Amino acid sequence: MGMLLGDNEFKYGLMLAPMAGFSDRAMRLVAREHGAEWSVTEMVSAKATVFGDKKTRILAKIHPDEGRVALQIFGKEPDVMARAAEILSRPAIEGCSAPIAIDINMGCPVNKIFSNGEGSALMRDPELIHSIVASVKGATDLPVTVKIRAGIDREHVNAVECAIAAEDAGASLICVHGRTRSEMYSGSVDREIIKNVKNSVHIPVIANGDITSGADAVDMLRYTGADGVAVGRGAVGNPFIFDEIRAALSGEPYSEPTLTERVDCALKQLKEASLDKGEKIAVPEARKQIALYLKGFRGAAHIRALINTATSYSEVESIILTAMRDEMD
C-alpha cells in the first residue's frame, strides 16, 4: 500500500477512476474533499485534441482546487497520441493546472470506441501498446500511465502481456480492471489477473473493479498485493467511500454520512457542475448521481421522478431539501 508517481507520493494509492460522463471537475472535487488522493479525468480524444477541438480542450481543463489529477487520452495512432500528450501536458486553459500524468485508455469497452480499434481493442496487439506508450513517453516529461482490462474476452486474457509491453515502453503505472471487454461491468471482478499483473511488473499497479466499501478495498489489496485501488462506480453519488476506505486501511473507526452531509454534498456537486457547464447540461447529467445520493430516502422513486423533470439547480435543491425534511420528520 502506498506508491510514488513521478514526484507525487500517495499514502494509500487511492484514486477516483476515470468514467466518461461522470468524473468531471465537480465529481473530482468532492471526491478529493472526501479522501481521494488523486483522480483521472474523463477520456479525451487524442485526435480531437490535435485538431484543436474547443470542446475537447474544455473537457481537459483541470482546476487548482481539484488537487492532483491525471489526464486520460484515447486513440490508436502512436503519432497522434504523442502529439496530443505533448499538447495536454500543459494547462488546457489559462489559470488551470497541468496534469500530474498522462493516462492512456486501453480499457474502454464501449462499442463506439472498441469498434474503432481504440480503448480495450488495443489489447489485441501488445506490440501496438508498446509503440503507443513509447511514443507518448517520448512526447512528455510527465509520467505515463495505462488503464487496461483483463483482456478482450475469457479466451484472450492477456493483461500480463499487455502490462509488460507497457512497462517495457516506459509506463510508470498500470491500472487493471479485472473484467474482460466482453464482460463489460457484469459478473465479478477477477482479482487473480490483477495479482498476476502485479507479480509480473516492477511499476505500481492499481486494482480496479467492485470496490464499493472499505472492506472491499482491504480485501482487494490483501489478495492482489496492488499498490492502491481505483474506485469508479462505487463513488458515483457516494464520494464518502474514500473516507470509508481511508478509515479501513488505517484501522480507524468510520461513521456513515448523515442525511445533511449527503444532501449538502449532492447540492455542492450539482452547483459546481452547473458553474462549469451551465444548468441546461449539468442538471440532466447529474440526475443519476443525485438519485444515488438519496438512496434509502422514503419515497425515493417519487423523488427520482421529480428530479428527472427538473431543469434548474433551484428546482433540484427544492426537491432535495423537501425530501430531507420529510425524512427527518
C-alpha atoms as a PDB file:
ATOM      1  CA  MET A   1       0.000   0.000   0.000  1.00  0.00           C
ATOM      2  CA  GLY A   2       1.298   3.426  -0.938  1.00  0.00           C
ATOM      3  CA  MET A   3       3.179   4.476  -4.045  1.00  0.00           C
ATOM      4  CA  LEU A   4       5.055   7.117  -5.988  1.00  0.00           C
ATOM      5  CA  LEU A   5       4.043   8.547  -9.346  1.00  0.00           C
ATOM      6  CA  GLY A   6       6.689  10.934 -10.546  1.00  0.00           C
ATOM      7  CA  ASP A   7       7.178  13.443  -7.733  1.00  0.00           C
ATOM      8  CA  ASN A   8       3.805  12.599  -6.193  1.00  0.00           C
ATOM      9  CA  GLU A   9       3.609  10.343  -3.167  1.00  0.00           C
ATOM     10  CA  PHE A  10       0.334   8.665  -2.260  1.00  0.00           C
ATOM     11  CA  LYS A  11      -0.023   7.083   1.172  1.00  0.00           C
ATOM     12  CA  TYR A  12      -2.895   4.810   0.168  1.00  0.00           C
ATOM     13  CA  GLY A  13      -2.781   4.883  -3.635  1.00  0.00           C
ATOM     14  CA  LEU A  14      -6.453   5.879  -3.522  1.00  0.00           C
ATOM     15  CA  MET A  15      -7.742   7.032  -6.906  1.00  0.00           C
ATOM     16  CA  LEU A  16     -11.023   8.170  -8.416  1.00  0.00           C
ATOM     17  CA  ALA A  17     -11.194   6.150 -11.622  1.00  0.00           C
ATOM     18  CA  PRO A  18     -11.892   7.791 -14.987  1.00  0.00           C
ATOM     19  CA  MET A  19     -15.541   7.473 -16.036  1.00  0.00           C
ATOM     20  CA  ALA A  20     -16.973   9.046 -19.180  1.00  0.00           C
ATOM     21  CA  GLY A  21     -19.974  11.171 -18.252  1.00  0.00           C
ATOM     22  CA  PHE A  22     -19.192  11.073 -14.533  1.00  0.00           C
ATOM     23  CA  SER A  23     -15.662  12.009 -13.436  1.00  0.00           C
ATOM     24  CA  ASP A  24     -15.936  15.690 -14.340  1.00  0.00           C
ATOM     25  CA  ARG A  25     -14.472  18.533 -12.287  1.00  0.00           C
ATOM     26  CA  ALA A  26     -17.401  18.585  -9.862  1.00  0.00           C
ATOM     27  CA  MET A  27     -17.106  14.890  -9.059  1.00  0.00           C
ATOM     28  CA  ARG A  28     -13.324  15.068  -8.829  1.00  0.00           C
ATOM     29  CA  LEU A  29     -13.634  17.988  -6.404  1.00  0.00           C
ATOM     30  CA  VAL A  30     -15.997  16.278  -3.955  1.00  0.00           C
ATOM     31  CA  ALA A  31     -14.007  13.033  -4.223  1.00  0.00           C
ATOM     32  CA  ARG A  32     -10.868  14.906  -3.207  1.00  0.00           C
ATOM     33  CA  GLU A  33     -12.683  16.522  -0.270  1.00  0.00           C
ATOM     34  CA  HIS A  34     -13.658  13.066   0.961  1.00  0.00           C
ATOM     35  CA  GLY A  35     -10.289  11.371   0.715  1.00  0.00           C
ATOM     36  CA  ALA A  36      -9.386  10.559  -2.895  1.00  0.00           C
ATOM     37  CA  GLU A  37      -5.651  11.227  -3.230  1.00  0.00           C
ATOM     38  CA  TRP A  38      -5.821  11.727  -6.969  1.00  0.00           C
ATOM     39  CA  SER A  39      -8.229  11.492  -9.866  1.00  0.00           C
ATOM     40  CA  VAL A  40      -8.207  10.749 -13.572  1.00  0.00           C
ATOM     41  CA  THR A  41     -10.295  12.794 -15.994  1.00  0.00           C
ATOM     42  CA  GLU A  42     -12.943  11.570 -18.365  1.00  0.00           C
ATOM     43  CA  MET A  43     -11.240  10.269 -21.505  1.00  0.00           C
ATOM     44  CA  VAL A  44     -10.214  12.894 -24.043  1.00  0.00           C
ATOM     45  CA  SER A  45      -9.880  12.169 -27.752  1.00  0.00           C
ATOM     46  CA  ALA A  46      -6.291  12.432 -28.932  1.00  0.00           C
ATOM     47  CA  LYS A  47      -7.379  13.130 -32.486  1.00  0.00           C
ATOM     48  CA  ALA A  48      -9.811  15.875 -31.445  1.00  0.00           C
ATOM     49  CA  THR A  49      -7.065  17.426 -29.327  1.00  0.00           C
ATOM     50  CA  VAL A  50      -4.632  17.512 -32.225  1.00  0.00           C
ATOM     51  CA  PHE A  51      -7.295  19.021 -34.497  1.00  0.00           C
ATOM     52  CA  GLY A  52      -7.842  21.817 -31.966  1.00  0.00           C
ATOM     53  CA  ASP A  53     -11.411  20.985 -30.964  1.00  0.00           C
ATOM     54  CA  LYS A  54     -12.525  23.600 -28.425  1.00  0.00           C
ATOM     55  CA  LYS A  55     -14.944  21.309 -26.549  1.00  0.00           C
ATOM     56  CA  THR A  56     -12.152  18.803 -26.050  1.00  0.00           C
ATOM     57  CA  ARG A  57      -9.880  21.437 -24.557  1.00  0.00           C
ATOM     58  CA  ILE A  58     -12.621  22.409 -22.117  1.00  0.00           C
ATOM     59  CA  LEU A  59     -13.067  18.745 -21.163  1.00  0.00           C
ATOM     60  CA  ALA A  60      -9.322  18.597 -20.448  1.00  0.00           C
ATOM     61  CA  LYS A  61      -9.237  21.534 -18.047  1.00  0.00           C
ATOM     62  CA  ILE A  62      -8.057  20.897 -14.501  1.00  0.00           C
ATOM     63  CA  HIS A  63      -8.758  23.492 -11.820  1.00  0.00           C
ATOM     64  CA  PRO A  64      -6.272  24.080  -8.991  1.00  0.00           C
ATOM     65  CA  ASP A  65      -8.901  23.206  -6.349  1.00  0.00           C
ATOM     66  CA  GLU A  66      -9.103  19.627  -7.663  1.00  0.00           C
ATOM     67  CA  GLY A  67      -5.703  18.663  -6.327  1.00  0.00           C
ATOM     68  CA  ARG A  68      -3.701  16.055  -8.207  1.00  0.00           C
ATOM     69  CA  VAL A  69      -5.297  14.917 -11.470  1.00  0.00           C
ATOM     70  CA  ALA A  70      -4.045  12.776 -14.355  1.00  0.00           C
ATOM     71  CA  LEU A  71      -5.447  13.370 -17.823  1.00  0.00           C
ATOM     72  CA  GLN A  72      -6.679  10.394 -19.830  1.00  0.00           C
ATOM     73  CA  ILE A  73      -6.445  10.231 -23.614  1.00  0.00           C
ATOM     74  CA  PHE A  74      -7.719   7.655 -26.079  1.00  0.00           C
ATOM     75  CA  GLY A  75      -6.785   6.834 -29.652  1.00  0.00           C
ATOM     76  CA  LYS A  76      -4.867   4.274 -31.695  1.00  0.00           C
ATOM     77  CA  GLU A  77      -2.237   6.096 -33.801  1.00  0.00           C
ATOM     78  CA  PRO A  78       1.054   6.423 -31.896  1.00  0.00           C
ATOM     79  CA  ASP A  79       1.997   9.720 -33.547  1.00  0.00           C
ATOM     80  CA  VAL A  80      -1.400  11.300 -32.875  1.00  0.00           C
ATOM     81  CA  MET A  81      -1.351  10.081 -29.283  1.00  0.00           C
ATOM     82  CA  ALA A  82       2.126  11.537 -28.839  1.00  0.00           C
ATOM     83  CA  ARG A  83       1.138  14.928 -30.226  1.00  0.00           C
ATOM     84  CA  ALA A  84      -1.958  15.016 -28.010  1.00  0.00           C
ATOM     85  CA  ALA A  85       0.141  14.173 -24.956  1.00  0.00           C
ATOM     86  CA  GLU A  86       2.531  16.987 -25.819  1.00  0.00           C
ATOM     87  CA  ILE A  87      -0.348  19.469 -26.077  1.00  0.00           C
ATOM     88  CA  LEU A  88      -2.174  18.259 -22.969  1.00  0.00           C
ATOM     89  CA  SER A  89       0.909  18.203 -20.752  1.00  0.00           C
ATOM     90  CA  ARG A  90       0.392  21.947 -20.439  1.00  0.00           C
ATOM     91  CA  PRO A  91      -2.654  23.560 -18.794  1.00  0.00           C
ATOM     92  CA  ALA A  92      -5.612  23.320 -21.170  1.00  0.00           C
ATOM     93  CA  ILE A  93      -6.860  26.823 -20.344  1.00  0.00           C
ATOM     94  CA  GLU A  94      -5.151  29.827 -18.760  1.00  0.00           C
ATOM     95  CA  GLY A  95      -5.442  29.705 -14.991  1.00  0.00           C
ATOM     96  CA  CYS A  96      -5.865  25.947 -14.911  1.00  0.00           C
ATOM     97  CA  SER A  97      -3.380  23.322 -13.718  1.00  0.00           C
ATOM     98  CA  ALA A  98      -1.270  20.881 -15.686  1.00  0.00           C
ATOM     99  CA  PRO A  99      -1.965  17.177 -15.111  1.00  0.00           C
ATOM    100  CA  ILE A 100       0.325  15.085 -12.933  1.00  0.00           C
ATOM    101  CA  ALA A 101       0.409  12.322 -15.566  1.00  0.00           C
ATOM    102  CA  ILE A 102      -0.873  11.329 -18.983  1.00  0.00           C
ATOM    103  CA  ASP A 103      -3.070   8.238 -18.746  1.00  0.00           C
ATOM    104  CA  ILE A 104      -3.716   6.098 -21.820  1.00  0.00           C
ATOM    105  CA  ASN A 105      -7.115   4.434 -22.113  1.00  0.00           C
ATOM    106  CA  MET A 106      -6.711   0.807 -23.162  1.00  0.00           C
ATOM    107  CA  GLY A 107      -9.729  -0.465 -21.262  1.00  0.00           C
ATOM    108  CA  CYS A 108     -12.889   1.255 -22.513  1.00  0.00           C
ATOM    109  CA  PRO A 109     -15.350  -1.496 -23.546  1.00  0.00           C
ATOM    110  CA  VAL A 110     -17.983   0.715 -25.203  1.00  0.00           C
ATOM    111  CA  ASN A 111     -18.845  -0.389 -28.746  1.00  0.00           C
ATOM    112  CA  LYS A 112     -18.279   3.019 -30.328  1.00  0.00           C
ATOM    113  CA  ILE A 113     -14.704   3.108 -29.031  1.00  0.00           C
ATOM    114  CA  PHE A 114     -13.932  -0.597 -29.380  1.00  0.00           C
ATOM    115  CA  SER A 115     -15.210  -0.851 -32.969  1.00  0.00           C
ATOM    116  CA  ASN A 116     -12.856   1.962 -33.948  1.00  0.00           C
ATOM    117  CA  GLY A 117      -9.866  -0.017 -32.686  1.00  0.00           C
ATOM    118  CA  GLU A 118      -9.451   2.156 -29.583  1.00  0.00           C
ATOM    119  CA  GLY A 119      -9.852   1.597 -25.850  1.00  0.00           C
ATOM    120  CA  SER A 120      -9.815  -2.093 -24.935  1.00  0.00           C
ATOM    121  CA  ALA A 121      -9.397  -3.048 -28.616  1.00  0.00           C
ATOM    122  CA  LEU A 122      -5.726  -2.077 -28.235  1.00  0.00           C
ATOM    123  CA  MET A 123      -5.264  -5.172 -26.080  1.00  0.00           C
ATOM    124  CA  ARG A 124      -5.460  -7.269 -29.233  1.00  0.00           C
ATOM    125  CA  ASP A 125      -1.964  -6.051 -30.099  1.00  0.00           C
ATOM    126  CA  PRO A 126       0.671  -5.741 -27.339  1.00  0.00           C
ATOM    127  CA  GLU A 127       3.182  -4.500 -29.918  1.00  0.00           C
ATOM    128  CA  LEU A 128       0.892  -1.557 -30.692  1.00  0.00           C
ATOM    129  CA  ILE A 129       0.562  -0.929 -26.957  1.00  0.00           C
ATOM    130  CA  HIS A 130       4.354  -0.756 -26.747  1.00  0.00           C
ATOM    131  CA  SER A 131       4.505   1.637 -29.692  1.00  0.00           C
ATOM    132  CA  ILE A 132       1.819   3.955 -28.315  1.00  0.00           C
ATOM    133  CA  VAL A 133       3.305   4.112 -24.813  1.00  0.00           C
ATOM    134  CA  ALA A 134       6.824   4.681 -26.175  1.00  0.00           C
ATOM    135  CA  SER A 135       5.589   7.476 -28.460  1.00  0.00           C
ATOM    136  CA  VAL A 136       3.648   9.194 -25.686  1.00  0.00           C
ATOM    137  CA  LYS A 137       6.571   8.791 -23.290  1.00  0.00           C
ATOM    138  CA  GLY A 138       8.847  10.480 -25.793  1.00  0.00           C
ATOM    139  CA  ALA A 139       6.486  13.436 -26.147  1.00  0.00           C
ATOM    140  CA  THR A 140       6.040  14.433 -22.497  1.00  0.00           C
ATOM    141  CA  ASP A 141       8.063  14.894 -19.345  1.00  0.00           C
ATOM    142  CA  LEU A 142       5.101  13.695 -17.290  1.00  0.00           C
ATOM    143  CA  PRO A 143       4.714  10.117 -16.078  1.00  0.00           C
ATOM    144  CA  VAL A 144       2.720   7.943 -18.494  1.00  0.00           C
ATOM    145  CA  THR A 145       0.159   5.567 -17.021  1.00  0.00           C
ATOM    146  CA  VAL A 146      -2.037   2.937 -18.666  1.00  0.00           C
ATOM    147  CA  LYS A 147      -5.538   1.616 -17.928  1.00  0.00           C
ATOM    148  CA  ILE A 148      -6.231  -1.928 -19.152  1.00  0.00           C
ATOM    149  CA  ARG A 149      -8.722  -4.752 -18.611  1.00  0.00           C
ATOM    150  CA  ALA A 150      -8.184  -8.461 -18.053  1.00  0.00           C
ATOM    151  CA  GLY A 151      -8.375  -8.961 -21.822  1.00  0.00           C
ATOM    152  CA  ILE A 152     -10.830  -8.896 -24.722  1.00  0.00           C
ATOM    153  CA  ASP A 153     -12.743 -11.978 -23.565  1.00  0.00           C
ATOM    154  CA  ARG A 154     -12.171 -15.061 -21.445  1.00  0.00           C
ATOM    155  CA  GLU A 155     -10.426 -16.812 -24.351  1.00  0.00           C
ATOM    156  CA  HIS A 156      -7.974 -13.923 -24.643  1.00  0.00           C
ATOM    157  CA  VAL A 157      -6.977 -12.898 -21.118  1.00  0.00           C
ATOM    158  CA  ASN A 158      -3.648 -11.167 -21.765  1.00  0.00           C
ATOM    159  CA  ALA A 159      -3.411  -8.379 -19.194  1.00  0.00           C
ATOM    160  CA  VAL A 160       0.013  -9.603 -18.091  1.00  0.00           C
ATOM    161  CA  GLU A 161       1.415  -9.476 -21.623  1.00  0.00           C
ATOM    162  CA  CYS A 162      -0.056  -6.021 -22.227  1.00  0.00           C
ATOM    163  CA  ALA A 163       1.221  -4.718 -18.879  1.00  0.00           C
ATOM    164  CA  ILE A 164       4.740  -5.970 -19.593  1.00  0.00           C
ATOM    165  CA  ALA A 165       4.651  -4.305 -23.019  1.00  0.00           C
ATOM    166  CA  ALA A 166       3.572  -1.013 -21.438  1.00  0.00           C
ATOM    167  CA  GLU A 167       6.255  -1.202 -18.753  1.00  0.00           C
ATOM    168  CA  ASP A 168       8.967  -2.008 -21.305  1.00  0.00           C
ATOM    169  CA  ALA A 169       7.900   1.066 -23.296  1.00  0.00           C
ATOM    170  CA  GLY A 170       8.242   3.363 -20.268  1.00  0.00           C
ATOM    171  CA  ALA A 171       4.901   3.338 -18.452  1.00  0.00           C
ATOM    172  CA  SER A 172       5.123   4.428 -14.822  1.00  0.00           C
ATOM    173  CA  LEU A 173       1.927   2.744 -13.579  1.00  0.00           C
ATOM    174  CA  ILE A 174      -0.689   0.215 -14.678  1.00  0.00           C
ATOM    175  CA  CYS A 175      -4.342   0.301 -13.600  1.00  0.00           C
ATOM    176  CA  VAL A 176      -6.109  -3.027 -14.139  1.00  0.00           C
ATOM    177  CA  HIS A 177      -9.876  -3.505 -14.275  1.00  0.00           C
ATOM    178  CA  GLY A 178     -10.346  -7.185 -13.531  1.00  0.00           C
ATOM    179  CA  ARG A 179     -13.017  -7.859 -16.162  1.00  0.00           C
ATOM    180  CA  THR A 180     -12.701  -8.577 -19.861  1.00  0.00           C
ATOM    181  CA  ARG A 181     -14.081  -6.288 -22.501  1.00  0.00           C
ATOM    182  CA  SER A 182     -16.879  -8.738 -23.326  1.00  0.00           C
ATOM    183  CA  GLU A 183     -17.943  -8.821 -19.666  1.00  0.00           C
ATOM    184  CA  MET A 184     -18.349  -5.038 -19.634  1.00  0.00           C
ATOM    185  CA  TYR A 185     -19.421  -4.407 -15.998  1.00  0.00           C
ATOM    186  CA  SER A 186     -21.253  -7.682 -15.330  1.00  0.00           C
ATOM    187  CA  GLY A 187     -20.245 -10.546 -13.093  1.00  0.00           C
ATOM    188  CA  SER A 188     -17.485 -10.388 -10.512  1.00  0.00           C
ATOM    189  CA  VAL A 189     -14.053  -8.861 -10.942  1.00  0.00           C
ATOM    190  CA  ASP A 190     -11.176 -11.330 -11.463  1.00  0.00           C
ATOM    191  CA  ARG A 191      -8.723 -10.480  -8.690  1.00  0.00           C
ATOM    192  CA  GLU A 192      -6.363 -13.236  -9.816  1.00  0.00           C
ATOM    193  CA  ILE A 193      -5.483 -11.440 -13.057  1.00  0.00           C
ATOM    194  CA  ILE A 194      -4.738  -8.247 -11.117  1.00  0.00           C
ATOM    195  CA  LYS A 195      -2.483 -10.263  -8.806  1.00  0.00           C
ATOM    196  CA  ASN A 196      -0.728 -11.798 -11.812  1.00  0.00           C
ATOM    197  CA  VAL A 197      -0.086  -8.369 -13.310  1.00  0.00           C
ATOM    198  CA  LYS A 198       1.307  -7.108 -10.012  1.00  0.00           C
ATOM    199  CA  ASN A 199       3.674 -10.090  -9.850  1.00  0.00           C
ATOM    200  CA  SER A 200       4.830  -9.565 -13.440  1.00  0.00           C
ATOM    201  CA  VAL A 201       5.871  -5.898 -13.471  1.00  0.00           C
ATOM    202  CA  HIS A 202       8.086  -3.653 -11.378  1.00  0.00           C
ATOM    203  CA  ILE A 203       5.977  -0.493 -11.526  1.00  0.00           C
ATOM    204  CA  PRO A 204       2.975   0.344  -9.313  1.00  0.00           C
ATOM    205  CA  VAL A 205      -0.274  -1.476 -10.062  1.00  0.00           C
ATOM    206  CA  ILE A 206      -3.706  -0.067  -9.193  1.00  0.00           C
ATOM    207  CA  ALA A 207      -6.570  -2.536  -8.731  1.00  0.00           C
ATOM    208  CA  ASN A 208      -9.959  -1.554 -10.169  1.00  0.00           C
ATOM    209  CA  GLY A 209     -13.374  -3.172 -10.026  1.00  0.00           C
ATOM    210  CA  ASP A 210     -16.053  -3.976  -7.434  1.00  0.00           C
ATOM    211  CA  ILE A 211     -14.743  -1.582  -4.773  1.00  0.00           C
ATOM    212  CA  THR A 212     -17.912  -0.479  -3.004  1.00  0.00           C
ATOM    213  CA  SER A 213     -16.769  -0.363   0.626  1.00  0.00           C
ATOM    214  CA  GLY A 214     -13.739  -0.059   2.845  1.00  0.00           C
ATOM    215  CA  ALA A 215     -13.756  -3.824   3.373  1.00  0.00           C
ATOM    216  CA  ASP A 216     -13.693  -4.374  -0.411  1.00  0.00           C
ATOM    217  CA  ALA A 217     -10.570  -2.217  -0.706  1.00  0.00           C
ATOM    218  CA  VAL A 218      -8.802  -4.009   2.133  1.00  0.00           C
ATOM    219  CA  ASP A 219      -9.633  -7.414   0.634  1.00  0.00           C
ATOM    220  CA  MET A 220      -8.530  -6.341  -2.840  1.00  0.00           C
ATOM    221  CA  LEU A 221      -5.180  -5.037  -1.641  1.00  0.00           C
ATOM    222  CA  ARG A 222      -4.557  -8.043   0.573  1.00  0.00           C
ATOM    223  CA  TYR A 223      -5.325 -10.536  -2.201  1.00  0.00           C
ATOM    224  CA  THR A 224      -3.627  -8.837  -5.150  1.00  0.00           C
ATOM    225  CA  GLY A 225      -0.706  -7.069  -3.470  1.00  0.00           C
ATOM    226  CA  ALA A 226      -1.615  -3.998  -5.536  1.00  0.00           C
ATOM    227  CA  ASP A 227      -0.232  -0.578  -4.605  1.00  0.00           C
ATOM    228  CA  GLY A 228      -3.610   1.099  -4.473  1.00  0.00           C
ATOM    229  CA  VAL A 229      -7.224   0.932  -5.601  1.00  0.00           C
ATOM    230  CA  ALA A 230      -9.238   2.885  -8.150  1.00  0.00           C
ATOM    231  CA  VAL A 231     -12.884   3.466  -7.292  1.00  0.00           C
ATOM    232  CA  GLY A 232     -15.296   4.128 -10.134  1.00  0.00           C
ATOM    233  CA  ARG A 233     -18.985   3.244  -9.963  1.00  0.00           C
ATOM    234  CA  GLY A 234     -18.740   2.810  -6.181  1.00  0.00           C
ATOM    235  CA  ALA A 235     -18.062   6.546  -5.890  1.00  0.00           C
ATOM    236  CA  VAL A 236     -20.994   7.695  -8.048  1.00  0.00           C
ATOM    237  CA  GLY A 237     -23.305   9.508  -5.662  1.00  0.00           C
ATOM    238  CA  ASN A 238     -21.067   8.317  -2.835  1.00  0.00           C
ATOM    239  CA  PRO A 239     -17.748  10.174  -2.560  1.00  0.00           C
ATOM    240  CA  PHE A 240     -17.831   9.213   1.126  1.00  0.00           C
ATOM    241  CA  ILE A 241     -16.459   5.832   0.089  1.00  0.00           C
ATOM    242  CA  PHE A 242     -12.986   7.386   0.065  1.00  0.00           C
ATOM    243  CA  ASP A 243     -13.374   8.377   3.724  1.00  0.00           C
ATOM    244  CA  GLU A 244     -14.524   4.830   4.448  1.00  0.00           C
ATOM    245  CA  ILE A 245     -11.576   3.247   2.644  1.00  0.00           C
ATOM    246  CA  ARG A 246      -9.058   5.508   4.375  1.00  0.00           C
ATOM    247  CA  ALA A 247     -10.540   4.542   7.733  1.00  0.00           C
ATOM    248  CA  ALA A 248     -10.441   0.844   6.878  1.00  0.00           C
ATOM    249  CA  LEU A 249      -6.841   0.980   5.701  1.00  0.00           C
ATOM    250  CA  SER A 250      -5.678   2.935   8.751  1.00  0.00           C
ATOM    251  CA  GLY A 251      -7.671   0.865  11.238  1.00  0.00           C
ATOM    252  CA  GLU A 252      -9.723   3.846  12.363  1.00  0.00           C
ATOM    253  CA  PRO A 253     -13.487   3.931  13.054  1.00  0.00           C
ATOM    254  CA  TYR A 254     -15.792   5.180  10.322  1.00  0.00           C
ATOM    255  CA  SER A 255     -19.201   6.829  10.647  1.00  0.00           C
ATOM    256  CA  GLU A 256     -21.699   6.854   7.800  1.00  0.00           C
ATOM    257  CA  PRO A 257     -22.525  10.345   6.496  1.00  0.00           C
ATOM    258  CA  THR A 258     -25.589  11.983   7.976  1.00  0.00           C
ATOM    259  CA  LEU A 259     -28.587  12.921   5.840  1.00  0.00           C
ATOM    260  CA  THR A 260     -27.476  16.539   5.981  1.00  0.00           C
ATOM    261  CA  GLU A 261     -23.967  15.642   4.830  1.00  0.00           C
ATOM    262  CA  ARG A 262     -25.322  13.613   1.915  1.00  0.00           C
ATOM    263  CA  VAL A 263     -27.651  16.394   0.832  1.00  0.00           C
ATOM    264  CA  ASP A 264     -25.005  19.104   1.213  1.00  0.00           C
ATOM    265  CA  CYS A 265     -22.528  17.098  -0.875  1.00  0.00           C
ATOM    266  CA  ALA A 266     -25.092  16.357  -3.591  1.00  0.00           C
ATOM    267  CA  LEU A 267     -26.014  20.018  -3.880  1.00  0.00           C
ATOM    268  CA  LYS A 268     -22.375  21.121  -3.881  1.00  0.00           C
ATOM    269  CA  GLN A 269     -21.538  18.729  -6.693  1.00  0.00           C
ATOM    270  CA  LEU A 270     -24.519  19.917  -8.731  1.00  0.00           C
ATOM    271  CA  LYS A 271     -23.687  23.574  -8.103  1.00  0.00           C
ATOM    272  CA  GLU A 272     -20.069  23.108  -9.190  1.00  0.00           C
ATOM    273  CA  ALA A 273     -21.166  21.244 -12.324  1.00  0.00           C
ATOM    274  CA  SER A 274     -23.683  23.987 -13.107  1.00  0.00           C
ATOM    275  CA  LEU A 275     -20.998  26.655 -12.800  1.00  0.00           C
ATOM    276  CA  ASP A 276     -18.802  24.706 -15.206  1.00  0.00           C
ATOM    277  CA  LYS A 277     -21.326  23.586 -17.810  1.00  0.00           C
ATOM    278  CA  GLY A 278     -24.455  25.612 -17.245  1.00  0.00           C
ATOM    279  CA  GLU A 279     -27.631  24.221 -15.683  1.00  0.00           C
ATOM    280  CA  LYS A 280     -29.041  23.076 -19.027  1.00  0.00           C
ATOM    281  CA  ILE A 281     -26.290  20.470 -19.305  1.00  0.00           C
ATOM    282  CA  ALA A 282     -25.380  19.874 -15.665  1.00  0.00           C
ATOM    283  CA  VAL A 283     -28.845  19.136 -14.268  1.00  0.00           C
ATOM    284  CA  PRO A 284     -29.741  16.296 -16.689  1.00  0.00           C
ATOM    285  CA  GLU A 285     -26.239  14.842 -16.373  1.00  0.00           C
ATOM    286  CA  ALA A 286     -26.436  14.847 -12.576  1.00  0.00           C
ATOM    287  CA  ARG A 287     -29.778  13.078 -12.216  1.00  0.00           C
ATOM    288  CA  LYS A 288     -28.352   9.590 -11.739  1.00  0.00           C
ATOM    289  CA  GLN A 289     -25.794  10.746  -9.192  1.00  0.00           C
ATOM    290  CA  ILE A 290     -28.349  12.785  -7.238  1.00  0.00           C
ATOM    291  CA  ALA A 291     -30.649   9.760  -7.066  1.00  0.00           C
ATOM    292  CA  LEU A 292     -27.808   7.669  -5.623  1.00  0.00           C
ATOM    293  CA  TYR A 293     -27.054  10.332  -3.003  1.00  0.00           C
ATOM    294  CA  LEU A 294     -30.674   9.986  -1.870  1.00  0.00           C
ATOM    295  CA  LYS A 295     -30.743   6.180  -1.913  1.00  0.00           C
ATOM    296  CA  GLY A 296     -32.714   4.904   1.053  1.00  0.00           C
ATOM    297  CA  PHE A 297     -34.856   8.024   1.454  1.00  0.00           C
ATOM    298  CA  ARG A 298     -38.571   7.406   1.958  1.00  0.00           C
ATOM    299  CA  GLY A 299     -40.407   7.773  -1.343  1.00  0.00           C
ATOM    300  CA  ALA A 300     -37.137   7.551  -3.307  1.00  0.00           C
ATOM    301  CA  ALA A 301     -38.919   6.573  -6.527  1.00  0.00           C
ATOM    302  CA  HIS A 302     -41.126   9.654  -6.338  1.00  0.00           C
ATOM    303  CA  ILE A 303     -38.116  11.855  -5.568  1.00  0.00           C
ATOM    304  CA  ARG A 304     -36.283  10.469  -8.607  1.00  0.00           C
ATOM    305  CA  ALA A 305     -39.307  11.153 -10.810  1.00  0.00           C
ATOM    306  CA  LEU A 306     -39.378  14.773  -9.655  1.00  0.00           C
ATOM    307  CA  ILE A 307     -35.637  15.226 -10.198  1.00  0.00           C
ATOM    308  CA  ASN A 308     -35.912  13.707 -13.669  1.00  0.00           C
ATOM    309  CA  THR A 309     -38.236  16.537 -14.710  1.00  0.00           C
ATOM    310  CA  ALA A 310     -36.239  19.318 -13.046  1.00  0.00           C
ATOM    311  CA  THR A 311     -34.303  21.661 -15.320  1.00  0.00           C
ATOM    312  CA  SER A 312     -32.571  24.018 -12.893  1.00  0.00           C
ATOM    313  CA  TYR A 313     -30.398  23.915  -9.800  1.00  0.00           C
ATOM    314  CA  SER A 314     -33.046  25.687  -7.741  1.00  0.00           C
ATOM    315  CA  GLU A 315     -35.678  23.087  -8.665  1.00  0.00           C
ATOM    316  CA  VAL A 316     -33.402  20.208  -7.677  1.00  0.00           C
ATOM    317  CA  GLU A 317     -32.431  21.991  -4.468  1.00  0.00           C
ATOM    318  CA  SER A 318     -36.082  22.466  -3.510  1.00  0.00           C
ATOM    319  CA  ILE A 319     -36.891  18.792  -4.202  1.00  0.00           C
ATOM    320  CA  ILE A 320     -33.911  17.542  -2.201  1.00  0.00           C
ATOM    321  CA  LEU A 321     -34.437  19.827   0.787  1.00  0.00           C
ATOM    322  CA  THR A 322     -38.120  18.865   0.915  1.00  0.00           C
ATOM    323  CA  ALA A 323     -37.162  15.198   0.799  1.00  0.00           C
ATOM    324  CA  MET A 324     -34.667  15.695   3.622  1.00  0.00           C
ATOM    325  CA  ARG A 325     -37.222  17.436   5.820  1.00  0.00           C
ATOM    326  CA  ASP A 326     -39.709  14.628   5.181  1.00  0.00           C
ATOM    327  CA  GLU A 327     -37.030  12.060   6.026  1.00  0.00           C
ATOM    328  CA  MET A 328     -36.161  13.772   9.302  1.00  0.00           C
ATOM    329  CA  ASP A 329     -39.788  14.253  10.480  1.00  0.00           C
END
